[in-house]
Amino acid sequence: YPRVRFELMNLLVAKIFEHFGYEAFDNVAGGETAGIPFAALAA
């Protein structure tokens, strides 16, 4: 669901920056298998 996916990932990344900071990470990893697309979208 592209529109829902787009908005939800925007929310998730906004909360990641708010919670952890903008320069807190060097790499984004997804867990096999369900986490892989979400990690790719977040990265």
PDB file of all heavy atoms in Angstrom:
ATOM      1  N   TYR A   1       0.852  -1.190   0.000  1.00  0.00           N
ATOM      2  CA  TYR A   1       0.000   0.000   0.000  1.00  0.00           C
ATOM      3  C   TYR A   1       0.885   1.237   0.000  1.00  0.00           C
ATOM      4  O   TYR A   1       1.276   1.738   1.062  1.00  0.00           O
ATOM      5  CB  TYR A   1      -0.932  -0.007   1.215  1.00  0.00           C
ATOM      6  CG  TYR A   1      -1.959  -1.114   1.148  1.00  0.00           C
ATOM      7  CD1 TYR A   1      -1.650  -2.400   1.598  1.00  0.00           C
ATOM      8  CD2 TYR A   1      -3.225  -0.880   0.615  1.00  0.00           C
ATOM      9  CE1 TYR A   1      -2.589  -3.420   1.515  1.00  0.00           C
ATOM     10  CE2 TYR A   1      -4.170  -1.895   0.538  1.00  0.00           C
ATOM     11  CZ  TYR A   1      -3.838  -3.163   0.986  1.00  0.00           C
ATOM     12  OH  TYR A   1      -4.763  -4.171   0.903  1.00  0.00           O
ATOM     13  N   PRO A   2       1.234   1.755  -1.189  1.00  0.00           N
ATOM     14  CA  PRO A   2       2.249   2.812  -1.286  1.00  0.00           C
ATOM     15  C   PRO A   2       1.951   4.066  -0.476  1.00  0.00           C
ATOM     16  O   PRO A   2       2.859   4.622   0.148  1.00  0.00           O
ATOM     17  CB  PRO A   2       2.292   3.117  -2.788  1.00  0.00           C
ATOM     18  CG  PRO A   2       1.787   1.879  -3.443  1.00  0.00           C
ATOM     19  CD  PRO A   2       0.775   1.297  -2.515  1.00  0.00           C
ATOM     20  N   ARG A   3       0.708   4.553  -0.500  1.00  0.00           N
ATOM     21  CA  ARG A   3       0.411   5.807   0.207  1.00  0.00           C
ATOM     22  C   ARG A   3       0.505   5.624   1.717  1.00  0.00           C
ATOM     23  O   ARG A   3       1.080   6.460   2.421  1.00  0.00           O
ATOM     24  CB  ARG A   3      -0.971   6.328  -0.205  1.00  0.00           C
ATOM     25  CG  ARG A   3      -1.006   6.908  -1.617  1.00  0.00           C
ATOM     26  CD  ARG A   3      -2.382   7.423  -1.985  1.00  0.00           C
ATOM     27  NE  ARG A   3      -3.333   6.338  -2.170  1.00  0.00           N
ATOM     28  CZ  ARG A   3      -3.491   5.664  -3.318  1.00  0.00           C
ATOM     29  NH1 ARG A   3      -2.741   5.966  -4.368  1.00  0.00           N
ATOM     30  NH2 ARG A   3      -4.387   4.703  -3.419  1.00  0.00           N
ATOM     31  N   VAL A   4      -0.061   4.523   2.207  1.00  0.00           N
ATOM     32  CA  VAL A   4       0.022   4.238   3.639  1.00  0.00           C
ATOM     33  C   VAL A   4       1.476   3.994   4.040  1.00  0.00           C
ATOM     34  O   VAL A   4       1.953   4.508   5.058  1.00  0.00           O
ATOM     35  CB  VAL A   4      -0.862   3.020   4.000  1.00  0.00           C
ATOM     36  CG1 VAL A   4      -0.654   2.603   5.444  1.00  0.00           C
ATOM     37  CG2 VAL A   4      -2.330   3.343   3.744  1.00  0.00           C
ATOM     38  N   ARG A   5       2.172   3.219   3.227  1.00  0.00           N
ATOM     39  CA  ARG A   5       3.585   2.922   3.499  1.00  0.00           C
ATOM     40  C   ARG A   5       4.404   4.199   3.579  1.00  0.00           C
ATOM     41  O   ARG A   5       5.238   4.377   4.479  1.00  0.00           O
ATOM     42  CB  ARG A   5       4.108   2.016   2.383  1.00  0.00           C
ATOM     43  CG  ARG A   5       5.548   1.563   2.520  1.00  0.00           C
ATOM     44  CD  ARG A   5       5.958   0.792   1.279  1.00  0.00           C
ATOM     45  NE  ARG A   5       6.084   1.667   0.125  1.00  0.00           N
ATOM     46  CZ  ARG A   5       5.855   1.283  -1.132  1.00  0.00           C
ATOM     47  NH1 ARG A   5       5.461   0.063  -1.406  1.00  0.00           N
ATOM     48  NH2 ARG A   5       6.021   2.141  -2.117  1.00  0.00           N
ATOM     49  N   PHE A   6       4.186   5.112   2.639  1.00  0.00           N
ATOM     50  CA  PHE A   6       4.941   6.368   2.587  1.00  0.00           C
ATOM     51  C   PHE A   6       4.730   7.188   3.858  1.00  0.00           C
ATOM     52  O   PHE A   6       5.694   7.646   4.487  1.00  0.00           O
ATOM     53  CB  PHE A   6       4.495   7.165   1.355  1.00  0.00           C
ATOM     54  CG  PHE A   6       5.188   8.484   1.198  1.00  0.00           C
ATOM     55  CD1 PHE A   6       6.434   8.562   0.596  1.00  0.00           C
ATOM     56  CD2 PHE A   6       4.589   9.655   1.645  1.00  0.00           C
ATOM     57  CE1 PHE A   6       7.074   9.783   0.454  1.00  0.00           C
ATOM     58  CE2 PHE A   6       5.224  10.877   1.511  1.00  0.00           C
ATOM     59  CZ  PHE A   6       6.474  10.949   0.913  1.00  0.00           C
ATOM     60  N   GLU A   7       3.478   7.373   4.242  1.00  0.00           N
ATOM     61  CA  GLU A   7       3.185   8.185   5.419  1.00  0.00           C
ATOM     62  C   GLU A   7       3.696   7.532   6.695  1.00  0.00           C
ATOM     63  O   GLU A   7       4.225   8.199   7.589  1.00  0.00           O
ATOM     64  CB  GLU A   7       1.684   8.445   5.518  1.00  0.00           C
ATOM     65  CG  GLU A   7       1.118   9.314   4.408  1.00  0.00           C
ATOM     66  CD  GLU A   7       1.728  10.707   4.380  1.00  0.00           C
ATOM     67  OE1 GLU A   7       2.201  11.178   5.433  1.00  0.00           O
ATOM     68  OE2 GLU A   7       1.741  11.334   3.302  1.00  0.00           O
ATOM     69  N   LEU A   8       3.520   6.217   6.796  1.00  0.00           N
ATOM     70  CA  LEU A   8       3.949   5.523   8.008  1.00  0.00           C
ATOM     71  C   LEU A   8       5.468   5.576   8.167  1.00  0.00           C
ATOM     72  O   LEU A   8       5.978   5.813   9.269  1.00  0.00           O
ATOM     73  CB  LEU A   8       3.462   4.083   7.976  1.00  0.00           C
ATOM     74  CG  LEU A   8       3.694   3.303   9.275  1.00  0.00           C
ATOM     75  CD1 LEU A   8       2.536   2.354   9.536  1.00  0.00           C
ATOM     76  CD2 LEU A   8       4.990   2.521   9.222  1.00  0.00           C
ATOM     77  N   MET A   9       6.215   5.390   7.073  1.00  0.00           N
ATOM     78  CA  MET A   9       7.674   5.438   7.180  1.00  0.00           C
ATOM     79  C   MET A   9       8.161   6.844   7.488  1.00  0.00           C
ATOM     80  O   MET A   9       9.163   7.014   8.190  1.00  0.00           O
ATOM     81  CB  MET A   9       8.311   4.909   5.895  1.00  0.00           C
ATOM     82  CG  MET A   9       8.106   3.420   5.681  1.00  0.00           C
ATOM     83  SD  MET A   9       8.598   2.386   7.103  1.00  0.00           S
ATOM     84  CE  MET A   9      10.334   2.821   7.280  1.00  0.00           C
ATOM     85  N   ASN A  10       7.447   7.855   6.995  1.00  0.00           N
ATOM     86  CA  ASN A  10       7.799   9.225   7.381  1.00  0.00           C
ATOM     87  C   ASN A  10       7.637   9.414   8.888  1.00  0.00           C
ATOM     88  O   ASN A  10       8.471  10.043   9.554  1.00  0.00           O
ATOM     89  CB  ASN A  10       6.930  10.230   6.634  1.00  0.00           C
ATOM     90  CG  ASN A  10       7.357  10.410   5.192  1.00  0.00           C
ATOM     91  OD1 ASN A  10       8.454  10.005   4.800  1.00  0.00           O
ATOM     92  ND2 ASN A  10       6.492  11.014   4.398  1.00  0.00           N
ATOM     93  N   LEU A  11       6.544   8.884   9.436  1.00  0.00           N
ATOM     94  CA  LEU A  11       6.324   8.958  10.885  1.00  0.00           C
ATOM     95  C   LEU A  11       7.435   8.243  11.644  1.00  0.00           C
ATOM     96  O   LEU A  11       7.955   8.754  12.639  1.00  0.00           O
ATOM     97  CB  LEU A  11       4.978   8.337  11.244  1.00  0.00           C
ATOM     98  CG  LEU A  11       3.719   9.144  10.988  1.00  0.00           C
ATOM     99  CD1 LEU A  11       2.483   8.277  11.221  1.00  0.00           C
ATOM    100  CD2 LEU A  11       3.666  10.362  11.898  1.00  0.00           C
ATOM    101  N   LEU A  12       7.784   7.042  11.182  1.00  0.00           N
ATOM    102  CA  LEU A  12       8.791   6.253  11.890  1.00  0.00           C
ATOM    103  C   LEU A  12      10.140   6.967  11.897  1.00  0.00           C
ATOM    104  O   LEU A  12      10.788   7.073  12.945  1.00  0.00           O
ATOM    105  CB  LEU A  12       8.920   4.866  11.255  1.00  0.00           C
ATOM    106  CG  LEU A  12       9.902   3.919  11.957  1.00  0.00           C
ATOM    107  CD1 LEU A  12       9.454   3.628  13.384  1.00  0.00           C
ATOM    108  CD2 LEU A  12      10.069   2.620  11.170  1.00  0.00           C
ATOM    109  N   VAL A  13      10.559   7.455  10.745  1.00  0.00           N
ATOM    110  CA  VAL A  13      11.869   8.114  10.677  1.00  0.00           C
ATOM    111  C   VAL A  13      11.871   9.414  11.479  1.00  0.00           C
ATOM    112  O   VAL A  13      12.856   9.746  12.148  1.00  0.00           O
ATOM    113  CB  VAL A  13      12.280   8.342   9.210  1.00  0.00           C
ATOM    114  CG1 VAL A  13      13.518   9.237   9.120  1.00  0.00           C
ATOM    115  CG2 VAL A  13      12.564   7.002   8.536  1.00  0.00           C
ATOM    116  N   ALA A  14      10.763  10.145  11.461  1.00  0.00           N
ATOM    117  CA  ALA A  14      10.686  11.358  12.275  1.00  0.00           C
ATOM    118  C   ALA A  14      10.863  11.033  13.756  1.00  0.00           C
ATOM    119  O   ALA A  14      11.558  11.749  14.488  1.00  0.00           O
ATOM    120  CB  ALA A  14       9.353  12.061  12.039  1.00  0.00           C
ATOM    121  N   LYS A  15      10.236   9.935  14.199  1.00  0.00           N
ATOM    122  CA  LYS A  15      10.384   9.539  15.605  1.00  0.00           C
ATOM    123  C   LYS A  15      11.789   9.028  15.910  1.00  0.00           C
ATOM    124  O   LYS A  15      12.299   9.223  17.009  1.00  0.00           O
ATOM    125  CB  LYS A  15       9.342   8.484  15.963  1.00  0.00           C
ATOM    126  CG  LYS A  15       7.907   8.984  15.952  1.00  0.00           C
ATOM    127  CD  LYS A  15       7.712  10.238  16.785  1.00  0.00           C
ATOM    128  CE  LYS A  15       8.021  10.043  18.258  1.00  0.00           C
ATOM    129  NZ  LYS A  15       7.750  11.289  19.032  1.00  0.00           N
ATOM    130  N   ILE A  16      12.424   8.367  14.942  1.00  0.00           N
ATOM    131  CA  ILE A  16      13.809   7.920  15.136  1.00  0.00           C
ATOM    132  C   ILE A  16      14.711   9.134  15.378  1.00  0.00           C
ATOM    133  O   ILE A  16      15.521   9.161  16.313  1.00  0.00           O
ATOM    134  CB  ILE A  16      14.297   7.110  13.914  1.00  0.00           C
ATOM    135  CG1 ILE A  16      13.600   5.742  13.872  1.00  0.00           C
ATOM    136  CG2 ILE A  16      15.818   6.927  13.953  1.00  0.00           C
ATOM    137  CD1 ILE A  16      13.806   4.985  12.574  1.00  0.00           C
ATOM    138  N   PHE A  17      14.580  10.165  14.536  1.00  0.00           N
ATOM    139  CA  PHE A  17      15.394  11.370  14.710  1.00  0.00           C
ATOM    140  C   PHE A  17      15.083  12.060  16.037  1.00  0.00           C
ATOM    141  O   PHE A  17      15.987  12.535  16.733  1.00  0.00           O
ATOM    142  CB  PHE A  17      15.160  12.330  13.543  1.00  0.00           C
ATOM    143  CG  PHE A  17      15.785  11.901  12.247  1.00  0.00           C
ATOM    144  CD1 PHE A  17      15.165  12.172  11.039  1.00  0.00           C
ATOM    145  CD2 PHE A  17      17.007  11.251  12.229  1.00  0.00           C
ATOM    146  CE1 PHE A  17      15.750  11.797   9.835  1.00  0.00           C
ATOM    147  CE2 PHE A  17      17.606  10.862  11.031  1.00  0.00           C
ATOM    148  CZ  PHE A  17      16.965  11.136   9.831  1.00  0.00           C
ATOM    149  N   GLU A  18      13.810  12.129  16.385  1.00  0.00           N
ATOM    150  CA  GLU A  18      13.416  12.781  17.635  1.00  0.00           C
ATOM    151  C   GLU A  18      13.937  12.026  18.846  1.00  0.00           C
ATOM    152  O   GLU A  18      14.418  12.620  19.820  1.00  0.00           O
ATOM    153  CB  GLU A  18      11.899  12.875  17.698  1.00  0.00           C
ATOM    154  CG  GLU A  18      11.348  13.472  18.988  1.00  0.00           C
ATOM    155  CD  GLU A  18       9.836  13.408  19.054  1.00  0.00           C
ATOM    156  OE1 GLU A  18       9.186  13.533  18.002  1.00  0.00           O
ATOM    157  OE2 GLU A  18       9.292  13.222  20.169  1.00  0.00           O
ATOM    158  N   HIS A  19      13.846  10.699  18.791  1.00  0.00           N
ATOM    159  CA  HIS A  19      14.187   9.869  19.947  1.00  0.00           C
ATOM    160  C   HIS A  19      15.693   9.679  20.105  1.00  0.00           C
ATOM    161  O   HIS A  19      16.228   9.791  21.208  1.00  0.00           O
ATOM    162  CB  HIS A  19      13.500   8.514  19.787  1.00  0.00           C
ATOM    163  CG  HIS A  19      13.646   7.604  20.966  1.00  0.00           C
ATOM    164  ND1 HIS A  19      12.887   7.734  22.107  1.00  0.00           N
ATOM    165  CD2 HIS A  19      14.469   6.554  21.193  1.00  0.00           C
ATOM    166  CE1 HIS A  19      13.229   6.789  22.973  1.00  0.00           C
ATOM    167  NE2 HIS A  19      14.192   6.065  22.442  1.00  0.00           N
ATOM    168  N   PHE A  20      16.380   9.370  18.996  1.00  0.00           N
ATOM    169  CA  PHE A  20      17.798   9.022  19.074  1.00  0.00           C
ATOM    170  C   PHE A  20      18.727  10.168  18.655  1.00  0.00           C
ATOM    171  O   PHE A  20      19.885  10.205  19.070  1.00  0.00           O
ATOM    172  CB  PHE A  20      18.097   7.809  18.179  1.00  0.00           C
ATOM    173  CG  PHE A  20      17.450   6.535  18.627  1.00  0.00           C
ATOM    174  CD1 PHE A  20      16.399   5.981  17.903  1.00  0.00           C
ATOM    175  CD2 PHE A  20      17.882   5.871  19.766  1.00  0.00           C
ATOM    176  CE1 PHE A  20      15.800   4.794  18.301  1.00  0.00           C
ATOM    177  CE2 PHE A  20      17.289   4.679  20.177  1.00  0.00           C
ATOM    178  CZ  PHE A  20      16.243   4.138  19.435  1.00  0.00           C
ATOM    179  N   GLY A  21      18.239  11.065  17.803  1.00  0.00           N
ATOM    180  CA  GLY A  21      19.086  12.132  17.272  1.00  0.00           C
ATOM    181  C   GLY A  21      19.345  11.937  15.786  1.00  0.00           C
ATOM    182  O   GLY A  21      19.170  10.852  15.246  1.00  0.00           O
ATOM    183  N   TYR A  22      19.777  13.007  15.135  1.00  0.00           N
ATOM    184  CA  TYR A  22      19.971  12.981  13.685  1.00  0.00           C
ATOM    185  C   TYR A  22      21.266  12.286  13.264  1.00  0.00           C
ATOM    186  O   TYR A  22      21.368  11.775  12.147  1.00  0.00           O
ATOM    187  CB  TYR A  22      19.946  14.404  13.128  1.00  0.00           C
ATOM    188  CG  TYR A  22      18.564  14.992  13.062  1.00  0.00           C
ATOM    189  CD1 TYR A  22      18.013  15.640  14.174  1.00  0.00           C
ATOM    190  CD2 TYR A  22      17.790  14.883  11.916  1.00  0.00           C
ATOM    191  CE1 TYR A  22      16.738  16.171  14.131  1.00  0.00           C
ATOM    192  CE2 TYR A  22      16.504  15.406  11.863  1.00  0.00           C
ATOM    193  CZ  TYR A  22      15.984  16.050  12.978  1.00  0.00           C
ATOM    194  OH  TYR A  22      14.709  16.561  12.944  1.00  0.00           O
ATOM    195  N   GLU A  23      22.266  12.285  14.116  1.00  0.00           N
ATOM    196  CA  GLU A  23      23.561  11.706  13.762  1.00  0.00           C
ATOM    197  C   GLU A  23      23.912  10.541  14.681  1.00  0.00           C
ATOM    198  O   GLU A  23      25.074  10.308  14.998  1.00  0.00           O
ATOM    199  CB  GLU A  23      24.655  12.786  13.837  1.00  0.00           C
ATOM    200  CG  GLU A  23      24.437  13.958  12.902  1.00  0.00           C
ATOM    201  CD  GLU A  23      24.513  13.570  11.426  1.00  0.00           C
ATOM    202  OE1 GLU A  23      25.131  12.521  11.119  1.00  0.00           O
ATOM    203  OE2 GLU A  23      23.951  14.303  10.594  1.00  0.00           O
ATOM    204  N   ALA A  24      22.900   9.786  15.084  1.00  0.00           N
ATOM    205  CA  ALA A  24      23.116   8.709  16.064  1.00  0.00           C
ATOM    206  C   ALA A  24      23.561   7.398  15.442  1.00  0.00           C
ATOM    207  O   ALA A  24      24.074   6.525  16.152  1.00  0.00           O
ATOM    208  CB  ALA A  24      21.831   8.485  16.862  1.00  0.00           C
ATOM    209  N   PHE A  25      23.381   7.247  14.110  1.00  0.00           N
ATOM    210  CA  PHE A  25      23.631   5.948  13.488  1.00  0.00           C
ATOM    211  C   PHE A  25      24.452   6.075  12.214  1.00  0.00           C
ATOM    212  O   PHE A  25      24.447   7.112  11.542  1.00  0.00           O
ATOM    213  CB  PHE A  25      22.301   5.254  13.169  1.00  0.00           C
ATOM    214  CG  PHE A  25      21.460   5.002  14.392  1.00  0.00           C
ATOM    215  CD1 PHE A  25      20.329   5.770  14.638  1.00  0.00           C
ATOM    216  CD2 PHE A  25      21.809   4.027  15.310  1.00  0.00           C
ATOM    217  CE1 PHE A  25      19.553   5.560  15.770  1.00  0.00           C
ATOM    218  CE2 PHE A  25      21.050   3.806  16.450  1.00  0.00           C
ATOM    219  CZ  PHE A  25      19.917   4.582  16.668  1.00  0.00           C
ATOM    220  N   ASP A  26      25.149   4.965  11.888  1.00  0.00           N
ATOM    221  CA  ASP A  26      25.950   4.877  10.669  1.00  0.00           C
ATOM    222  C   ASP A  26      25.412   3.832   9.707  1.00  0.00           C
ATOM    223  O   ASP A  26      25.876   3.758   8.559  1.00  0.00           O
ATOM    224  CB  ASP A  26      27.402   4.491  11.022  1.00  0.00           C
ATOM    225  CG  ASP A  26      27.993   5.371  12.102  1.00  0.00           C
ATOM    226  OD1 ASP A  26      28.060   6.596  11.883  1.00  0.00           O
ATOM    227  OD2 ASP A  26      28.360   4.839  13.172  1.00  0.00           O
ATOM    228  N   ASN A  27      24.471   3.015  10.158  1.00  0.00           N
ATOM    229  CA  ASN A  27      23.998   1.886   9.359  1.00  0.00           C
ATOM    230  C   ASN A  27      22.605   1.521   9.860  1.00  0.00           C
ATOM    231  O   ASN A  27      22.316   1.644  11.061  1.00  0.00           O
ATOM    232  CB  ASN A  27      24.963   0.700   9.531  1.00  0.00           C
ATOM    233  CG  ASN A  27      24.742  -0.424   8.538  1.00  0.00           C
ATOM    234  OD1 ASN A  27      23.615  -0.812   8.253  1.00  0.00           O
ATOM    235  ND2 ASN A  27      25.834  -0.974   8.022  1.00  0.00           N
ATOM    236  N   VAL A  28      21.748   1.076   8.953  1.00  0.00           N
ATOM    237  CA  VAL A  28      20.423   0.582   9.315  1.00  0.00           C
ATOM    238  C   VAL A  28      20.335  -0.883   8.904  1.00  0.00           C
ATOM    239  O   VAL A  28      20.587  -1.219   7.741  1.00  0.00           O
ATOM    240  CB  VAL A  28      19.300   1.388   8.623  1.00  0.00           C
ATOM    241  CG1 VAL A  28      17.936   0.805   8.963  1.00  0.00           C
ATOM    242  CG2 VAL A  28      19.361   2.847   9.028  1.00  0.00           C
ATOM    243  N   ALA A  29      19.983  -1.739   9.848  1.00  0.00           N
ATOM    244  CA  ALA A  29      19.901  -3.175   9.572  1.00  0.00           C
ATOM    245  C   ALA A  29      18.480  -3.666   9.760  1.00  0.00           C
ATOM    246  O   ALA A  29      17.790  -3.286  10.703  1.00  0.00           O
ATOM    247  CB  ALA A  29      20.839  -3.950  10.499  1.00  0.00           C
ATOM    248  N   GLY A  30      18.040  -4.535   8.850  1.00  0.00           N
ATOM    249  CA  GLY A  30      16.741  -5.178   8.970  1.00  0.00           C
ATOM    250  C   GLY A  30      16.908  -6.631   9.334  1.00  0.00           C
ATOM    251  O   GLY A  30      17.897  -7.266   8.962  1.00  0.00           O
ATOM    252  N   GLY A  31      15.947  -7.167  10.068  1.00  0.00           N
ATOM    253  CA  GLY A  31      15.981  -8.581  10.422  1.00  0.00           C
ATOM    254  C   GLY A  31      15.282  -9.411   9.365  1.00  0.00           C
ATOM    255  O   GLY A  31      14.219  -9.033   8.859  1.00  0.00           O
ATOM    256  N   GLU A  32      15.876 -10.557   9.016  1.00  0.00           N
ATOM    257  CA  GLU A  32      15.260 -11.481   8.062  1.00  0.00           C
ATOM    258  C   GLU A  32      13.921 -11.990   8.604  1.00  0.00           C
ATOM    259  O   GLU A  32      13.849 -12.405   9.752  1.00  0.00           O
ATOM    260  CB  GLU A  32      16.210 -12.657   7.842  1.00  0.00           C
ATOM    261  CG  GLU A  32      15.727 -13.678   6.860  1.00  0.00           C
ATOM    262  CD  GLU A  32      16.576 -14.952   6.858  1.00  0.00           C
ATOM    263  OE1 GLU A  32      17.375 -15.156   7.797  1.00  0.00           O
ATOM    264  OE2 GLU A  32      16.405 -15.758   5.930  1.00  0.00           O
ATOM    265  N   THR A  33      12.865 -12.006   7.800  1.00  0.00           N
ATOM    266  CA  THR A  33      12.746 -11.370   6.498  1.00  0.00           C
ATOM    267  C   THR A  33      11.853 -10.124   6.572  1.00  0.00           C
ATOM    268  O   THR A  33      11.965  -9.227   5.750  1.00  0.00           O
ATOM    269  CB  THR A  33      12.115 -12.326   5.458  1.00  0.00           C
ATOM    270  OG1 THR A  33      10.854 -12.794   5.983  1.00  0.00           O
ATOM    271  CG2 THR A  33      13.000 -13.506   5.148  1.00  0.00           C
ATOM    272  N   ALA A  34      10.948 -10.107   7.530  1.00  0.00           N
ATOM    273  CA  ALA A  34       9.937  -9.037   7.563  1.00  0.00           C
ATOM    274  C   ALA A  34      10.536  -7.659   7.765  1.00  0.00           C
ATOM    275  O   ALA A  34       9.970  -6.658   7.323  1.00  0.00           O
ATOM    276  CB  ALA A  34       8.901  -9.329   8.643  1.00  0.00           C
ATOM    277  N   GLY A  35      11.690  -7.578   8.429  1.00  0.00           N
ATOM    278  CA  GLY A  35      12.277  -6.282   8.697  1.00  0.00           C
ATOM    279  C   GLY A  35      13.021  -5.669   7.531  1.00  0.00           C
ATOM    280  O   GLY A  35      13.306  -4.466   7.532  1.00  0.00           O
ATOM    281  N   ILE A  36      13.331  -6.473   6.509  1.00  0.00           N
ATOM    282  CA  ILE A  36      14.183  -5.990   5.418  1.00  0.00           C
ATOM    283  C   ILE A  36      13.569  -4.810   4.664  1.00  0.00           C
ATOM    284  O   ILE A  36      14.242  -3.785   4.479  1.00  0.00           O
ATOM    285  CB  ILE A  36      14.550  -7.145   4.473  1.00  0.00           C
ATOM    286  CG1 ILE A  36      15.450  -8.150   5.213  1.00  0.00           C
ATOM    287  CG2 ILE A  36      15.247  -6.631   3.219  1.00  0.00           C
ATOM    288  CD1 ILE A  36      15.752  -9.414   4.431  1.00  0.00           C
ATOM    289  N   PRO A  37      12.311  -4.880   4.195  1.00  0.00           N
ATOM    290  CA  PRO A  37      11.788  -3.708   3.466  1.00  0.00           C
ATOM    291  C   PRO A  37      11.691  -2.461   4.320  1.00  0.00           C
ATOM    292  O   PRO A  37      11.944  -1.351   3.825  1.00  0.00           O
ATOM    293  CB  PRO A  37      10.408  -4.174   2.984  1.00  0.00           C
ATOM    294  CG  PRO A  37      10.046  -5.321   3.864  1.00  0.00           C
ATOM    295  CD  PRO A  37      11.343  -5.982   4.207  1.00  0.00           C
ATOM    296  N   PHE A  38      11.364  -2.601   5.595  1.00  0.00           N
ATOM    297  CA  PHE A  38      11.241  -1.436   6.466  1.00  0.00           C
ATOM    298  C   PHE A  38      12.615  -0.813   6.729  1.00  0.00           C
ATOM    299  O   PHE A  38      12.745   0.417   6.788  1.00  0.00           O
ATOM    300  CB  PHE A  38      10.557  -1.822   7.770  1.00  0.00           C
ATOM    301  CG  PHE A  38       9.148  -2.292   7.563  1.00  0.00           C
ATOM    302  CD1 PHE A  38       8.846  -3.636   7.546  1.00  0.00           C
ATOM    303  CD2 PHE A  38       8.124  -1.391   7.339  1.00  0.00           C
ATOM    304  CE1 PHE A  38       7.552  -4.079   7.330  1.00  0.00           C
ATOM    305  CE2 PHE A  38       6.823  -1.813   7.123  1.00  0.00           C
ATOM    306  CZ  PHE A  38       6.538  -3.169   7.118  1.00  0.00           C
ATOM    307  N   ALA A  39      13.639  -1.655   6.872  1.00  0.00           N
ATOM    308  CA  ALA A  39      14.997  -1.129   7.042  1.00  0.00           C
ATOM    309  C   ALA A  39      15.453  -0.399   5.790  1.00  0.00           C
ATOM    310  O   ALA A  39      16.082   0.662   5.867  1.00  0.00           O
ATOM    311  CB  ALA A  39      15.955  -2.265   7.376  1.00  0.00           C
ATOM    312  N   ALA A  40      15.127  -0.946   4.625  1.00  0.00           N
ATOM    313  CA  ALA A  40      15.523  -0.301   3.370  1.00  0.00           C
ATOM    314  C   ALA A  40      14.840   1.056   3.217  1.00  0.00           C
ATOM    315  O   ALA A  40      15.477   2.050   2.825  1.00  0.00           O
ATOM    316  CB  ALA A  40      15.174  -1.207   2.193  1.00  0.00           C
ATOM    317  N   LEU A  41      13.556   1.124   3.530  1.00  0.00           N
ATOM    318  CA  LEU A  41      12.815   2.379   3.421  1.00  0.00           C
ATOM    319  C   LEU A  41      13.332   3.415   4.428  1.00  0.00           C
ATOM    320  O   LEU A  41      13.458   4.599   4.101  1.00  0.00           O
ATOM    321  CB  LEU A  41      11.327   2.120   3.642  1.00  0.00           C
ATOM    322  CG  LEU A  41      10.632   1.313   2.539  1.00  0.00           C
ATOM    323  CD1 LEU A  41       9.294   0.776   3.035  1.00  0.00           C
ATOM    324  CD2 LEU A  41      10.448   2.156   1.290  1.00  0.00           C
ATOM    325  N   ALA A  42      13.628   2.957   5.646  1.00  0.00           N
ATOM    326  CA  ALA A  42      14.154   3.878   6.658  1.00  0.00           C
ATOM    327  C   ALA A  42      15.548   4.368   6.277  1.00  0.00           C
ATOM    328  O   ALA A  42      15.858   5.563   6.402  1.00  0.00           O
ATOM    329  CB  ALA A  42      14.192   3.198   8.023  1.00  0.00           C
ATOM    330  N   ALA A  43      16.406   3.462   5.816  1.00  0.00           N
ATOM    331  CA  ALA A  43      17.769   3.837   5.442  1.00  0.00           C
ATOM    332  C   ALA A  43      17.767   4.870   4.324  1.00  0.00           C
ATOM    333  O   ALA A  43      18.562   5.818   4.329  1.00  0.00           O
ATOM    334  CB  ALA A  43      18.556   2.599   5.024  1.00  0.00           C
TER     335      ALA A  43
END
